[in-house]
């Protein structure tokens, strides 16, 4: 499980340390791709394969399915932990998520996200005022 928030710094080579408690669940290699709210999503290979299988089952004739493939697969990169537990985030992914120096790594249970501090703070401000609507959505989902 990937849980918690961790502040880290990206160095000038685009490297960032992955929280130690995440490394065992990740293995040496994992997939990093664009998230949906200007963040990055990181998936262990097993989770990525499950997601890829589900997306592959969507009809090619559907514009939404093709866009889903474009969003997930085109920018995706398989990354590898170095001896210090760091990864290099590809330049295109850093630019997409607006990652500069300070980043936040957030656990999302079966995957984790990488955020710029600014984007994360903006999202948190939006979420603070929407607690009751989130509760309603949870109820609709049976949670």
N, C-alpha and C. Protein backbone atom coordinates (compact mmCIF):
# COMPACT_ATOMS: atom_id res chain seq x y z
N UNK A 1 0.83 -1.18 0.00
CA UNK A 1 0.00 0.00 0.00
C UNK A 1 0.87 1.24 0.00
N UNK A 2 0.46 2.22 -0.75
CA UNK A 2 1.15 3.50 -0.80
C UNK A 2 0.29 4.51 -0.04
N UNK A 3 0.79 4.95 1.11
CA UNK A 3 0.05 5.87 1.97
C UNK A 3 0.96 7.00 2.42
N UNK A 4 0.39 8.18 2.60
CA UNK A 4 1.12 9.30 3.18
C UNK A 4 1.57 10.33 2.15
N UNK A 5 2.11 11.43 2.69
CA UNK A 5 2.65 12.53 1.90
C UNK A 5 4.12 12.71 2.27
N UNK A 6 4.96 12.89 1.27
CA UNK A 6 6.40 13.00 1.50
C UNK A 6 6.96 14.14 0.65
N UNK A 7 7.64 15.07 1.29
CA UNK A 7 8.28 16.18 0.58
C UNK A 7 9.68 15.76 0.15
N UNK A 8 9.99 16.05 -1.11
CA UNK A 8 11.31 15.75 -1.64
C UNK A 8 11.75 16.87 -2.57
N UNK A 9 13.00 16.81 -2.98
CA UNK A 9 13.57 17.81 -3.87
C UNK A 9 14.07 17.11 -5.12
N UNK A 10 13.84 17.73 -6.27
CA UNK A 10 14.39 17.23 -7.53
C UNK A 10 15.72 17.93 -7.75
N UNK A 11 16.75 17.16 -8.07
CA UNK A 11 18.05 17.80 -8.33
C UNK A 11 18.12 18.29 -9.77
N UNK A 12 19.23 18.90 -10.13
CA UNK A 12 19.36 19.51 -11.46
C UNK A 12 19.40 18.48 -12.59
N UNK A 13 19.56 17.20 -12.26
CA UNK A 13 19.54 16.14 -13.26
C UNK A 13 18.16 15.49 -13.38
N UNK A 14 17.18 16.01 -12.65
CA UNK A 14 15.82 15.46 -12.71
C UNK A 14 15.62 14.25 -11.83
N UNK A 15 16.49 14.05 -10.84
CA UNK A 15 16.36 12.90 -9.95
C UNK A 15 15.61 13.28 -8.69
N UNK A 16 14.80 12.34 -8.24
CA UNK A 16 14.07 12.53 -6.98
C UNK A 16 14.10 11.21 -6.21
N UNK A 17 14.23 11.31 -4.90
CA UNK A 17 14.22 10.11 -4.05
C UNK A 17 12.79 9.65 -3.86
N UNK A 18 12.61 8.36 -3.91
CA UNK A 18 11.31 7.74 -3.65
C UNK A 18 11.29 7.36 -2.17
N UNK A 19 10.19 7.63 -1.47
CA UNK A 19 10.15 7.28 -0.05
C UNK A 19 10.53 5.82 0.20
N UNK A 20 11.33 5.60 1.21
CA UNK A 20 11.83 4.26 1.51
C UNK A 20 10.70 3.26 1.67
N UNK A 21 9.60 3.67 2.30
CA UNK A 21 8.51 2.72 2.53
C UNK A 21 7.78 2.35 1.25
N UNK A 22 7.98 3.11 0.16
CA UNK A 22 7.36 2.78 -1.13
C UNK A 22 8.23 1.82 -1.94
N UNK A 23 9.51 1.84 -1.71
CA UNK A 23 10.45 1.11 -2.58
C UNK A 23 10.20 -0.39 -2.63
N UNK A 24 9.92 -1.01 -1.51
CA UNK A 24 9.72 -2.45 -1.49
C UNK A 24 8.52 -2.85 -2.33
N UNK A 25 7.44 -2.09 -2.23
CA UNK A 25 6.23 -2.40 -3.00
C UNK A 25 6.43 -2.15 -4.49
N UNK A 26 7.36 -1.27 -4.84
CA UNK A 26 7.60 -0.93 -6.24
C UNK A 26 8.47 -1.96 -6.96
N UNK A 27 9.44 -2.49 -6.27
CA UNK A 27 10.45 -3.28 -6.95
C UNK A 27 11.47 -2.32 -7.55
N UNK A 28 12.37 -2.83 -8.35
CA UNK A 28 13.43 -1.99 -8.92
C UNK A 28 12.95 -1.10 -10.05
N UNK A 29 11.92 -1.57 -10.78
CA UNK A 29 11.40 -0.81 -11.92
C UNK A 29 9.89 -0.62 -11.77
N UNK A 30 9.41 0.51 -12.28
CA UNK A 30 7.98 0.78 -12.27
C UNK A 30 7.67 1.77 -13.39
N UNK A 31 6.39 2.06 -13.58
CA UNK A 31 5.97 2.94 -14.68
C UNK A 31 5.52 4.28 -14.13
N UNK A 32 5.98 5.32 -14.78
CA UNK A 32 5.63 6.70 -14.45
C UNK A 32 4.93 7.29 -15.67
N UNK A 33 3.78 7.93 -15.46
CA UNK A 33 3.05 8.53 -16.57
C UNK A 33 2.32 9.78 -16.09
N UNK A 34 1.66 10.45 -17.03
CA UNK A 34 0.87 11.63 -16.70
C UNK A 34 -0.31 11.25 -15.83
N UNK A 35 -0.60 12.08 -14.86
CA UNK A 35 -1.81 11.96 -14.08
C UNK A 35 -2.89 12.81 -14.72
N UNK A 36 -4.02 12.91 -14.08
CA UNK A 36 -5.15 13.62 -14.66
C UNK A 36 -5.26 15.07 -14.20
N UNK A 37 -4.60 15.46 -13.14
CA UNK A 37 -4.67 16.83 -12.64
C UNK A 37 -3.28 17.47 -12.56
N UNK A 38 -2.53 17.42 -13.63
CA UNK A 38 -1.20 18.00 -13.70
C UNK A 38 -0.25 17.44 -12.64
N UNK A 39 -0.34 16.15 -12.43
CA UNK A 39 0.61 15.45 -11.57
C UNK A 39 1.10 14.24 -12.37
N UNK A 40 1.97 13.46 -11.76
CA UNK A 40 2.43 12.21 -12.37
C UNK A 40 1.88 11.06 -11.54
N UNK A 41 1.64 9.93 -12.18
CA UNK A 41 1.21 8.73 -11.50
C UNK A 41 2.28 7.66 -11.68
N UNK A 42 2.56 6.95 -10.60
CA UNK A 42 3.57 5.89 -10.61
C UNK A 42 2.92 4.58 -10.22
N UNK A 43 3.12 3.56 -11.06
CA UNK A 43 2.49 2.26 -10.86
C UNK A 43 3.53 1.15 -10.78
N UNK A 44 3.41 0.26 -9.79
CA UNK A 44 4.23 -0.96 -9.84
C UNK A 44 3.90 -1.69 -11.14
N UNK A 45 4.83 -2.46 -11.67
CA UNK A 45 4.60 -3.12 -12.95
C UNK A 45 3.35 -3.99 -12.95
N UNK A 46 3.07 -4.68 -11.86
CA UNK A 46 1.87 -5.53 -11.83
C UNK A 46 0.60 -4.70 -11.95
N UNK A 47 0.54 -3.57 -11.24
CA UNK A 47 -0.64 -2.69 -11.34
C UNK A 47 -0.75 -2.10 -12.74
N UNK A 48 0.39 -1.72 -13.32
CA UNK A 48 0.40 -1.15 -14.66
C UNK A 48 -0.14 -2.16 -15.67
N UNK A 49 0.29 -3.39 -15.54
CA UNK A 49 -0.19 -4.43 -16.45
C UNK A 49 -1.69 -4.63 -16.33
N UNK A 50 -2.22 -4.58 -15.11
CA UNK A 50 -3.67 -4.71 -14.91
C UNK A 50 -4.41 -3.54 -15.56
N UNK A 51 -3.89 -2.33 -15.35
CA UNK A 51 -4.51 -1.15 -15.95
C UNK A 51 -4.44 -1.22 -17.47
N UNK A 52 -3.29 -1.60 -18.01
CA UNK A 52 -3.12 -1.71 -19.46
C UNK A 52 -4.09 -2.72 -20.05
N UNK A 53 -4.30 -3.82 -19.36
CA UNK A 53 -5.24 -4.84 -19.85
C UNK A 53 -6.65 -4.27 -19.92
N UNK A 54 -7.06 -3.53 -18.90
CA UNK A 54 -8.39 -2.93 -18.90
C UNK A 54 -8.54 -1.91 -20.03
N UNK A 55 -7.54 -1.08 -20.21
CA UNK A 55 -7.60 -0.07 -21.27
C UNK A 55 -7.60 -0.74 -22.64
N UNK A 56 -6.84 -1.80 -22.80
CA UNK A 56 -6.79 -2.52 -24.07
C UNK A 56 -8.13 -3.15 -24.44
N UNK A 57 -8.98 -3.38 -23.46
CA UNK A 57 -10.30 -3.97 -23.72
C UNK A 57 -11.31 -2.93 -24.22
N UNK A 58 -10.95 -1.66 -24.13
CA UNK A 58 -11.85 -0.61 -24.63
C UNK A 58 -11.85 -0.63 -26.15
N UNK A 59 -12.97 -0.30 -26.78
CA UNK A 59 -13.06 -0.37 -28.24
C UNK A 59 -12.20 0.69 -28.94
N UNK A 60 -11.47 0.26 -29.96
CA UNK A 60 -10.64 1.19 -30.73
C UNK A 60 -11.47 2.25 -31.44
N UNK A 61 -12.72 1.94 -31.72
CA UNK A 61 -13.59 2.89 -32.41
C UNK A 61 -14.05 4.03 -31.53
N UNK A 62 -13.84 3.94 -30.23
CA UNK A 62 -14.27 4.98 -29.31
C UNK A 62 -13.22 6.08 -29.19
N UNK A 63 -13.60 7.34 -29.49
CA UNK A 63 -12.64 8.44 -29.34
C UNK A 63 -12.14 8.58 -27.89
N UNK A 64 -13.02 8.35 -26.92
CA UNK A 64 -12.61 8.44 -25.52
C UNK A 64 -11.57 7.37 -25.17
N UNK A 65 -11.76 6.17 -25.71
CA UNK A 65 -10.81 5.09 -25.46
C UNK A 65 -9.46 5.41 -26.09
N UNK A 66 -9.46 5.96 -27.29
CA UNK A 66 -8.19 6.33 -27.93
C UNK A 66 -7.49 7.43 -27.13
N UNK A 67 -8.27 8.39 -26.63
CA UNK A 67 -7.68 9.46 -25.83
C UNK A 67 -7.11 8.92 -24.53
N UNK A 68 -7.78 7.96 -23.93
CA UNK A 68 -7.27 7.33 -22.72
C UNK A 68 -5.92 6.67 -23.00
N UNK A 69 -5.82 5.98 -24.11
CA UNK A 69 -4.54 5.36 -24.48
C UNK A 69 -3.46 6.42 -24.66
N UNK A 70 -3.81 7.51 -25.34
CA UNK A 70 -2.84 8.58 -25.59
C UNK A 70 -2.34 9.20 -24.29
N UNK A 71 -3.27 9.43 -23.36
CA UNK A 71 -2.90 10.05 -22.09
C UNK A 71 -2.01 9.12 -21.26
N UNK A 72 -2.37 7.85 -21.20
CA UNK A 72 -1.64 6.91 -20.35
C UNK A 72 -0.34 6.38 -20.96
N UNK A 73 -0.42 5.93 -22.20
CA UNK A 73 0.71 5.18 -22.77
C UNK A 73 1.77 6.03 -23.48
N UNK A 74 1.34 7.06 -24.22
CA UNK A 74 2.32 7.83 -24.99
C UNK A 74 3.40 8.47 -24.11
N UNK A 75 3.04 9.12 -22.99
CA UNK A 75 4.09 9.75 -22.18
C UNK A 75 4.72 8.82 -21.15
N UNK A 76 4.24 7.59 -21.04
CA UNK A 76 4.71 6.69 -19.98
C UNK A 76 6.17 6.32 -20.16
N UNK A 77 6.82 6.15 -19.02
CA UNK A 77 8.24 5.75 -19.02
C UNK A 77 8.44 4.71 -17.93
N UNK A 78 9.18 3.67 -18.27
CA UNK A 78 9.58 2.71 -17.25
C UNK A 78 10.84 3.27 -16.61
N UNK A 79 10.79 3.45 -15.29
CA UNK A 79 11.91 4.04 -14.57
C UNK A 79 12.48 3.02 -13.60
N UNK A 80 13.72 3.26 -13.21
CA UNK A 80 14.43 2.31 -12.36
C UNK A 80 15.06 3.05 -11.19
N UNK A 81 14.96 2.47 -10.01
CA UNK A 81 15.59 3.05 -8.83
C UNK A 81 17.10 2.88 -8.90
N UNK A 82 17.83 3.94 -8.54
CA UNK A 82 19.28 3.80 -8.45
C UNK A 82 19.64 3.31 -7.04
N UNK A 83 20.92 3.23 -6.73
CA UNK A 83 21.36 2.70 -5.44
C UNK A 83 20.91 3.56 -4.26
N UNK A 84 20.66 4.84 -4.51
CA UNK A 84 20.20 5.74 -3.45
C UNK A 84 18.68 5.82 -3.37
N UNK A 85 17.98 4.99 -4.15
CA UNK A 85 16.52 5.00 -4.12
C UNK A 85 15.89 6.15 -4.88
N UNK A 86 16.63 6.66 -5.89
CA UNK A 86 16.13 7.78 -6.69
C UNK A 86 15.76 7.29 -8.08
N UNK A 87 14.92 8.09 -8.73
CA UNK A 87 14.61 7.87 -10.15
C UNK A 87 14.90 9.16 -10.89
N UNK A 88 15.09 9.03 -12.19
CA UNK A 88 15.18 10.20 -13.06
C UNK A 88 13.81 10.36 -13.70
N UNK A 89 13.21 11.52 -13.49
CA UNK A 89 11.91 11.81 -14.11
C UNK A 89 12.19 12.42 -15.47
N UNK A 90 11.69 11.80 -16.55
CA UNK A 90 11.95 12.34 -17.88
C UNK A 90 11.50 13.81 -18.00
N UNK A 91 12.23 14.56 -18.79
CA UNK A 91 12.00 16.00 -18.95
C UNK A 91 10.54 16.32 -19.32
N UNK A 92 9.98 15.58 -20.27
CA UNK A 92 8.60 15.84 -20.69
C UNK A 92 7.60 15.68 -19.57
N UNK A 93 7.80 14.69 -18.72
CA UNK A 93 6.92 14.49 -17.57
C UNK A 93 7.12 15.59 -16.53
N UNK A 94 8.36 16.02 -16.33
CA UNK A 94 8.62 17.12 -15.38
C UNK A 94 7.92 18.39 -15.85
N UNK A 95 8.01 18.65 -17.15
CA UNK A 95 7.37 19.85 -17.69
C UNK A 95 5.85 19.77 -17.56
N UNK A 96 5.26 18.63 -17.88
CA UNK A 96 3.82 18.46 -17.80
C UNK A 96 3.31 18.77 -16.39
N UNK A 97 3.99 18.24 -15.36
CA UNK A 97 3.55 18.38 -13.98
C UNK A 97 4.07 19.65 -13.32
N UNK A 98 4.88 20.43 -14.04
CA UNK A 98 5.42 21.67 -13.48
C UNK A 98 6.36 21.42 -12.32
N UNK A 99 7.12 20.33 -12.39
CA UNK A 99 8.03 19.98 -11.31
C UNK A 99 9.31 20.79 -11.41
N UNK A 100 9.62 21.49 -10.35
CA UNK A 100 10.84 22.28 -10.31
C UNK A 100 11.73 21.71 -9.21
N UNK A 101 11.80 22.38 -8.08
CA UNK A 101 12.66 21.90 -7.01
C UNK A 101 11.92 21.06 -5.98
N UNK A 102 10.88 21.61 -5.38
CA UNK A 102 10.18 20.91 -4.31
C UNK A 102 8.98 20.15 -4.87
N UNK A 103 8.91 18.87 -4.52
CA UNK A 103 7.79 18.04 -4.97
C UNK A 103 7.19 17.33 -3.77
N UNK A 104 5.98 16.87 -3.98
CA UNK A 104 5.29 16.09 -2.96
C UNK A 104 4.94 14.75 -3.57
N UNK A 105 5.28 13.69 -2.88
CA UNK A 105 4.93 12.34 -3.31
C UNK A 105 3.80 11.88 -2.39
N UNK A 106 2.66 11.52 -3.00
CA UNK A 106 1.47 11.20 -2.23
C UNK A 106 1.01 9.78 -2.52
N UNK A 107 0.80 9.01 -1.48
CA UNK A 107 0.31 7.65 -1.64
C UNK A 107 -1.15 7.62 -2.01
N UNK A 108 -1.51 6.76 -2.93
CA UNK A 108 -2.89 6.61 -3.39
C UNK A 108 -3.34 5.15 -3.28
N UNK A 109 -2.83 4.44 -2.30
CA UNK A 109 -3.15 3.05 -2.03
C UNK A 109 -2.42 2.10 -2.97
N UNK A 110 -2.86 1.96 -4.23
CA UNK A 110 -2.23 1.00 -5.14
C UNK A 110 -1.21 1.64 -6.08
N UNK A 111 -1.09 2.95 -6.03
CA UNK A 111 -0.11 3.69 -6.82
C UNK A 111 0.22 4.95 -6.04
N UNK A 112 1.14 5.77 -6.56
CA UNK A 112 1.38 7.05 -5.91
C UNK A 112 1.49 8.14 -6.97
N UNK A 113 1.38 9.38 -6.49
CA UNK A 113 1.44 10.53 -7.38
C UNK A 113 2.62 11.40 -7.01
N UNK A 114 3.10 12.17 -8.01
CA UNK A 114 4.18 13.13 -7.79
C UNK A 114 3.62 14.49 -8.21
N UNK A 115 3.65 15.43 -7.29
CA UNK A 115 3.06 16.76 -7.49
C UNK A 115 4.10 17.86 -7.29
N UNK A 116 3.91 18.97 -7.99
CA UNK A 116 4.65 20.17 -7.61
C UNK A 116 3.98 20.67 -6.33
N UNK A 117 4.74 21.28 -5.46
CA UNK A 117 4.18 21.80 -4.21
C UNK A 117 3.03 22.78 -4.50
N UNK A 118 3.20 23.62 -5.51
CA UNK A 118 2.19 24.62 -5.85
C UNK A 118 0.89 23.97 -6.29
N UNK A 119 0.99 23.00 -7.21
CA UNK A 119 -0.22 22.32 -7.70
C UNK A 119 -0.92 21.58 -6.56
N UNK A 120 -0.15 20.93 -5.69
CA UNK A 120 -0.74 20.20 -4.58
C UNK A 120 -1.50 21.15 -3.64
N UNK A 121 -0.89 22.29 -3.33
CA UNK A 121 -1.54 23.25 -2.44
C UNK A 121 -2.83 23.80 -3.06
N UNK A 122 -2.82 24.03 -4.37
CA UNK A 122 -4.01 24.49 -5.06
C UNK A 122 -5.12 23.45 -4.97
N UNK A 123 -4.77 22.19 -5.22
CA UNK A 123 -5.75 21.12 -5.14
C UNK A 123 -6.30 20.98 -3.72
N UNK A 124 -5.45 21.05 -2.73
CA UNK A 124 -5.89 20.93 -1.34
C UNK A 124 -6.86 22.04 -0.98
N UNK A 125 -6.62 23.26 -1.45
CA UNK A 125 -7.53 24.37 -1.18
C UNK A 125 -8.89 24.10 -1.81
N UNK A 126 -8.90 23.54 -3.01
CA UNK A 126 -10.17 23.20 -3.67
C UNK A 126 -10.90 22.11 -2.91
N UNK A 127 -10.18 21.11 -2.44
CA UNK A 127 -10.81 19.98 -1.75
C UNK A 127 -11.37 20.37 -0.38
N UNK A 128 -10.76 21.32 0.28
CA UNK A 128 -11.21 21.71 1.62
C UNK A 128 -12.65 22.19 1.63
N UNK A 129 -13.08 22.83 0.58
CA UNK A 129 -14.43 23.35 0.54
C UNK A 129 -15.44 22.37 -0.04
N UNK A 130 -15.04 21.17 -0.36
CA UNK A 130 -15.95 20.24 -1.02
C UNK A 130 -16.17 18.93 -0.27
N UNK A 131 -16.02 18.96 1.04
CA UNK A 131 -16.16 17.75 1.84
C UNK A 131 -17.53 17.10 1.71
N UNK A 132 -18.59 17.91 1.72
CA UNK A 132 -19.92 17.30 1.66
C UNK A 132 -20.21 16.71 0.29
N UNK A 133 -19.71 17.33 -0.78
CA UNK A 133 -19.95 16.75 -2.11
C UNK A 133 -19.14 15.47 -2.30
N UNK A 134 -17.96 15.40 -1.70
CA UNK A 134 -17.17 14.17 -1.76
C UNK A 134 -17.89 13.06 -0.99
N UNK A 135 -18.47 13.41 0.16
CA UNK A 135 -19.24 12.43 0.94
C UNK A 135 -20.43 11.91 0.14
N UNK A 136 -21.10 12.80 -0.61
CA UNK A 136 -22.22 12.38 -1.45
C UNK A 136 -21.75 11.43 -2.54
N UNK A 137 -20.60 11.73 -3.17
CA UNK A 137 -20.06 10.85 -4.21
C UNK A 137 -19.71 9.49 -3.62
N UNK A 138 -19.17 9.47 -2.43
CA UNK A 138 -18.84 8.20 -1.78
C UNK A 138 -20.10 7.39 -1.52
N UNK A 139 -21.14 8.06 -1.10
CA UNK A 139 -22.41 7.37 -0.84
C UNK A 139 -22.99 6.79 -2.13
N UNK A 140 -22.89 7.54 -3.22
CA UNK A 140 -23.35 7.04 -4.51
C UNK A 140 -22.58 5.82 -4.96
N UNK A 141 -21.32 5.76 -4.59
CA UNK A 141 -20.48 4.61 -4.93
C UNK A 141 -20.63 3.45 -3.95
N UNK A 142 -21.43 3.67 -2.90
CA UNK A 142 -21.66 2.61 -1.93
C UNK A 142 -20.57 2.50 -0.88
N UNK A 143 -19.84 3.58 -0.67
CA UNK A 143 -18.74 3.56 0.32
C UNK A 143 -19.22 4.19 1.61
